[in-house]
N, C-alpha and C. Protein backbone atom coordinates (compact mmCIF):
# COMPACT_ATOMS: atom_id res chain seq x y z
N MET A 1 -42.70 34.52 -6.78
CA MET A 1 -42.19 34.13 -5.52
C MET A 1 -42.34 32.62 -5.46
N LEU A 2 -41.15 31.71 -4.80
CA LEU A 2 -41.37 30.56 -4.77
C LEU A 2 -41.53 30.38 -3.26
N HIS A 3 -42.35 29.46 -2.66
CA HIS A 3 -42.58 29.10 -1.29
C HIS A 3 -42.08 27.73 -1.26
N VAL A 4 -41.43 27.48 0.10
CA VAL A 4 -40.98 26.60 0.14
C VAL A 4 -41.47 25.92 1.67
N PRO A 5 -42.32 24.95 1.45
CA PRO A 5 -43.01 24.63 2.88
C PRO A 5 -42.04 24.15 3.85
N VAL A 6 -42.21 24.27 4.82
CA VAL A 6 -41.00 23.67 6.04
C VAL A 6 -42.06 22.91 7.06
N GLY A 7 -43.20 22.99 7.09
CA GLY A 7 -44.31 22.19 8.04
C GLY A 7 -45.47 22.84 8.16
N ALA A 8 -46.39 21.81 8.74
CA ALA A 8 -47.73 22.14 8.98
C ALA A 8 -47.72 22.38 10.48
N SER A 9 -49.04 23.06 11.15
CA SER A 9 -49.16 23.34 12.46
C SER A 9 -50.49 23.57 12.43
N ARG A 10 -51.17 22.99 13.76
CA ARG A 10 -52.63 23.38 14.03
C ARG A 10 -52.48 24.27 14.83
N THR A 11 -52.65 25.76 14.38
CA THR A 11 -52.57 26.77 15.19
C THR A 11 -53.71 27.86 14.87
N GLY A 12 -54.50 28.48 15.98
CA GLY A 12 -55.13 29.20 15.96
C GLY A 12 -54.61 30.64 15.75
N ALA A 13 -55.65 31.87 15.59
CA ALA A 13 -54.77 33.05 15.52
C ALA A 13 -54.13 33.51 16.43
N THR A 14 -54.51 33.34 18.04
CA THR A 14 -53.82 33.58 19.12
C THR A 14 -53.17 32.64 19.99
N CYS A 15 -52.55 31.60 19.18
CA CYS A 15 -52.06 30.48 19.69
C CYS A 15 -50.29 31.02 19.61
N PRO A 16 -49.93 30.76 21.12
CA PRO A 16 -48.07 30.93 21.14
C PRO A 16 -47.40 30.67 20.04
N LYS A 17 -47.55 29.45 19.73
CA LYS A 17 -47.08 28.69 18.58
C LYS A 17 -46.98 29.64 17.40
N ARG A 18 -48.31 29.91 17.01
CA ARG A 18 -48.37 31.02 15.67
C ARG A 18 -47.16 31.83 16.07
N ALA A 19 -47.73 32.54 17.07
CA ALA A 19 -46.99 33.95 17.57
C ALA A 19 -45.30 34.00 17.00
N ALA A 20 -44.77 32.62 17.58
CA ALA A 20 -43.35 32.07 17.11
C ALA A 20 -42.93 32.00 16.08
N ILE A 21 -43.87 31.17 14.94
CA ILE A 21 -43.63 30.94 13.95
C ILE A 21 -43.71 32.25 13.07
N LEU A 22 -44.62 33.27 13.42
CA LEU A 22 -44.37 34.58 12.72
C LEU A 22 -43.37 35.44 13.19
N ARG A 23 -43.08 35.33 14.30
CA ARG A 23 -41.81 35.91 14.88
C ARG A 23 -40.37 36.10 14.15
N PHE A 24 -40.53 34.32 13.82
CA PHE A 24 -39.27 34.09 13.05
C PHE A 24 -39.25 34.30 11.40
N GLY A 25 -40.03 35.08 11.17
CA GLY A 25 -40.18 35.50 9.84
C GLY A 25 -40.70 34.41 8.75
N PHE A 26 -41.47 33.35 9.20
CA PHE A 26 -42.36 32.41 8.06
C PHE A 26 -43.53 33.12 8.09
N THR A 27 -44.40 32.81 6.88
CA THR A 27 -45.50 33.39 6.37
C THR A 27 -46.38 32.19 6.13
N GLN A 28 -47.86 32.35 6.09
CA GLN A 28 -48.75 31.52 6.10
C GLN A 28 -49.17 31.07 4.37
N VAL A 29 -48.51 30.23 4.25
CA VAL A 29 -48.37 29.98 2.50
C VAL A 29 -50.31 29.20 2.43
N TRP A 30 -50.66 28.35 2.95
CA TRP A 30 -51.79 27.97 2.76
C TRP A 30 -52.63 27.29 4.24
N ARG A 31 -53.77 27.14 4.17
CA ARG A 31 -54.47 26.28 4.85
C ARG A 31 -55.26 25.50 4.66
N ARG A 32 -55.40 24.50 5.33
CA ARG A 32 -56.83 23.36 4.82
C ARG A 32 -57.25 22.62 5.99
N LYS A 33 -58.28 21.95 5.78
CA LYS A 33 -58.92 21.26 7.19
C LYS A 33 -58.21 19.94 6.97
N GLY A 34 -57.96 19.41 8.56
CA GLY A 34 -57.05 18.40 8.35
C GLY A 34 -58.44 17.37 8.17
N LYS A 35 -58.11 15.78 8.52
CA LYS A 35 -59.08 14.77 8.41
C LYS A 35 -59.92 14.81 9.70
N ASP A 36 -59.30 15.19 10.81
CA ASP A 36 -60.24 15.57 12.03
C ASP A 36 -60.99 16.70 12.29
N GLY A 37 -60.97 17.59 11.10
CA GLY A 37 -61.73 18.68 11.05
C GLY A 37 -60.81 20.09 11.23
N ALA A 38 -59.44 19.71 12.38
CA ALA A 38 -58.89 21.06 12.29
C ALA A 38 -58.05 21.78 11.52
N ASP A 39 -58.02 23.11 11.47
CA ASP A 39 -57.26 23.59 10.57
C ASP A 39 -55.67 23.42 10.58
N LEU A 40 -55.45 22.95 9.44
CA LEU A 40 -53.57 22.98 9.51
C LEU A 40 -53.18 24.16 8.24
N HIS A 41 -52.05 24.47 8.93
CA HIS A 41 -51.67 25.99 8.42
C HIS A 41 -50.21 25.52 8.06
N PHE A 42 -49.81 25.58 6.72
CA PHE A 42 -48.86 25.42 6.20
C PHE A 42 -47.62 26.80 6.02
N HIS A 43 -46.44 26.88 6.70
CA HIS A 43 -45.83 27.60 6.66
C HIS A 43 -44.52 27.82 5.96
N SER A 44 -43.95 28.67 5.50
CA SER A 44 -42.56 28.80 4.59
C SER A 44 -41.60 29.98 5.04
N ILE A 45 -40.45 30.21 4.86
CA ILE A 45 -40.02 31.02 4.52
C ILE A 45 -39.68 31.42 2.74
N VAL A 46 -40.12 32.46 2.26
CA VAL A 46 -39.88 32.85 1.37
C VAL A 46 -38.60 33.43 0.79
N HIS A 47 -38.44 32.58 -0.48
CA HIS A 47 -37.48 32.98 -1.19
C HIS A 47 -37.22 34.04 -2.05
N ALA A 48 -37.16 35.08 -1.55
CA ALA A 48 -37.05 36.65 -2.04
C ALA A 48 -36.23 37.44 -1.62
N THR A 49 -35.86 38.78 -1.81
CA THR A 49 -35.18 39.76 -1.67
C THR A 49 -35.12 39.71 0.28
N ASN A 50 -36.29 39.82 0.60
CA ASN A 50 -36.66 39.45 2.38
C ASN A 50 -36.77 38.53 2.73
N GLY A 51 -36.79 37.26 1.99
CA GLY A 51 -36.92 36.18 2.40
C GLY A 51 -36.05 35.29 3.41
N TRP A 52 -35.45 33.92 2.94
CA TRP A 52 -34.45 33.21 3.95
C TRP A 52 -33.47 33.81 4.13
N LEU A 53 -32.88 34.52 3.56
CA LEU A 53 -31.39 34.96 3.93
C LEU A 53 -31.86 36.39 4.89
N LEU A 54 -32.92 36.80 5.06
CA LEU A 54 -33.16 38.14 5.83
C LEU A 54 -33.50 37.54 7.22
N VAL A 55 -34.22 36.39 7.17
CA VAL A 55 -34.44 35.21 8.36
C VAL A 55 -32.93 35.09 9.16
N LYS A 56 -32.26 34.49 8.37
CA LYS A 56 -31.00 33.74 8.87
C LYS A 56 -30.12 35.16 9.29
N ARG A 57 -30.06 36.08 8.83
CA ARG A 57 -29.21 37.13 9.20
C ARG A 57 -29.52 37.96 10.48
N ALA A 58 -30.85 38.17 10.36
CA ALA A 58 -31.61 38.39 11.52
C ALA A 58 -31.53 37.73 12.90
N VAL A 59 -31.82 36.62 12.54
CA VAL A 59 -31.72 35.41 13.63
C VAL A 59 -29.89 35.79 14.34
N GLU A 60 -29.01 35.80 13.43
CA GLU A 60 -27.86 35.85 13.76
C GLU A 60 -27.23 36.82 14.72
N HIS A 61 -28.18 38.25 13.88
CA HIS A 61 -27.78 39.38 14.64
C HIS A 61 -28.51 39.26 16.12
N TRP A 62 -29.63 39.06 15.95
CA TRP A 62 -30.31 39.17 17.23
C TRP A 62 -29.62 38.30 18.64
N LEU A 63 -28.91 37.06 18.08
CA LEU A 63 -28.17 36.22 19.17
C LEU A 63 -26.95 36.66 19.34
N LEU A 64 -26.64 37.77 18.85
CA LEU A 64 -25.46 38.27 19.74
C LEU A 64 -25.12 38.52 21.08
N ALA A 65 -24.25 38.18 21.58
CA ALA A 65 -24.08 38.90 22.91
C ALA A 65 -24.51 40.22 23.13
N GLU A 66 -24.08 41.02 22.29
CA GLU A 66 -24.11 42.56 22.73
C GLU A 66 -25.75 42.96 22.73
N ASN A 67 -26.62 42.11 22.08
CA ASN A 67 -28.05 42.32 22.09
C ASN A 67 -28.81 41.86 23.52
N PHE A 68 -28.08 41.39 24.38
CA PHE A 68 -28.54 40.83 25.69
C PHE A 68 -27.85 41.55 26.84
N ASP A 69 -28.76 42.12 27.77
CA ASP A 69 -28.08 42.62 29.22
C ASP A 69 -27.71 41.54 30.04
N ALA A 70 -27.10 41.92 31.39
CA ALA A 70 -26.53 41.07 32.33
C ALA A 70 -27.20 39.92 32.63
N GLU A 71 -28.62 40.16 32.77
CA GLU A 71 -29.92 39.28 33.09
C GLU A 71 -30.51 38.60 32.04
N GLY A 72 -29.90 38.58 30.77
CA GLY A 72 -30.29 37.62 29.74
C GLY A 72 -31.44 38.30 28.81
N ARG A 73 -31.93 39.66 29.24
CA ARG A 73 -32.93 40.03 28.45
C ARG A 73 -32.60 40.69 27.25
N GLU A 74 -33.20 40.61 26.09
CA GLU A 74 -32.73 41.12 24.92
C GLU A 74 -33.26 42.76 24.63
N ARG A 75 -31.88 43.32 24.32
CA ARG A 75 -32.35 44.77 24.10
C ARG A 75 -33.14 45.27 22.80
N ARG A 76 -32.79 44.45 21.78
CA ARG A 76 -33.87 44.44 20.42
C ARG A 76 -34.65 43.44 20.24
N SER A 77 -35.67 43.24 19.83
CA SER A 77 -36.70 42.43 19.21
C SER A 77 -36.12 41.40 18.00
N LEU A 78 -36.40 40.25 17.95
CA LEU A 78 -35.95 39.64 16.57
C LEU A 78 -36.77 40.94 15.33
N GLU A 79 -37.87 41.19 15.69
CA GLU A 79 -38.69 42.25 14.51
C GLU A 79 -37.81 43.45 14.47
N GLN A 80 -37.46 43.90 15.59
CA GLN A 80 -36.62 45.02 15.30
C GLN A 80 -35.28 45.02 14.57
N VAL A 81 -34.55 43.85 14.89
CA VAL A 81 -33.51 43.52 14.15
C VAL A 81 -33.66 43.35 12.50
N ARG A 82 -34.42 42.92 12.29
CA ARG A 82 -35.28 42.35 11.09
C ARG A 82 -35.27 43.67 10.45
N GLN A 83 -36.32 44.53 11.12
CA GLN A 83 -36.44 46.14 10.43
C GLN A 83 -35.29 46.76 9.97
N GLU A 84 -34.39 46.59 11.17
CA GLU A 84 -32.92 47.61 11.18
C GLU A 84 -32.22 46.94 9.72
N LEU A 85 -32.09 45.50 9.40
CA LEU A 85 -31.47 45.02 8.36
C LEU A 85 -32.10 45.64 6.75
N ILE A 86 -33.55 45.46 7.13
CA ILE A 86 -34.49 45.96 5.95
C ILE A 86 -34.04 47.41 5.48
N SER A 87 -34.00 48.10 6.34
CA SER A 87 -33.53 49.80 6.31
C SER A 87 -31.86 50.18 6.11
N GLU A 88 -31.07 49.16 6.32
CA GLU A 88 -29.77 49.25 6.22
C GLU A 88 -29.45 48.36 4.69
N ASN A 89 -30.35 48.21 4.38
CA ASN A 89 -30.36 46.92 3.07
C ASN A 89 -29.04 46.00 3.37
N GLU A 90 -28.99 45.34 4.19
CA GLU A 90 -28.02 44.55 4.77
C GLU A 90 -28.21 43.10 4.40
N VAL A 91 -29.31 42.81 3.53
CA VAL A 91 -29.66 41.24 2.57
C VAL A 91 -29.92 41.52 1.26
């Protein structure tokens, strides 16, 4: 599996930023201590069958107008869309 680092973040296990990173399909590749002692988490999208192409297609499908109601609320979460694409072998 090839990991392509896309950035580092200082995120704890319950941090909203970390939740967003994981929701969009990034995985934690590794972590280390920064110079100031804070944990640095490095995230990537994995180049594999369900890697970057899946993330791209899921976001495209999730953003379609029919996925949102009149008040702008999503009908299906990004994770639901991703799981549907996996089960339909759309990637």
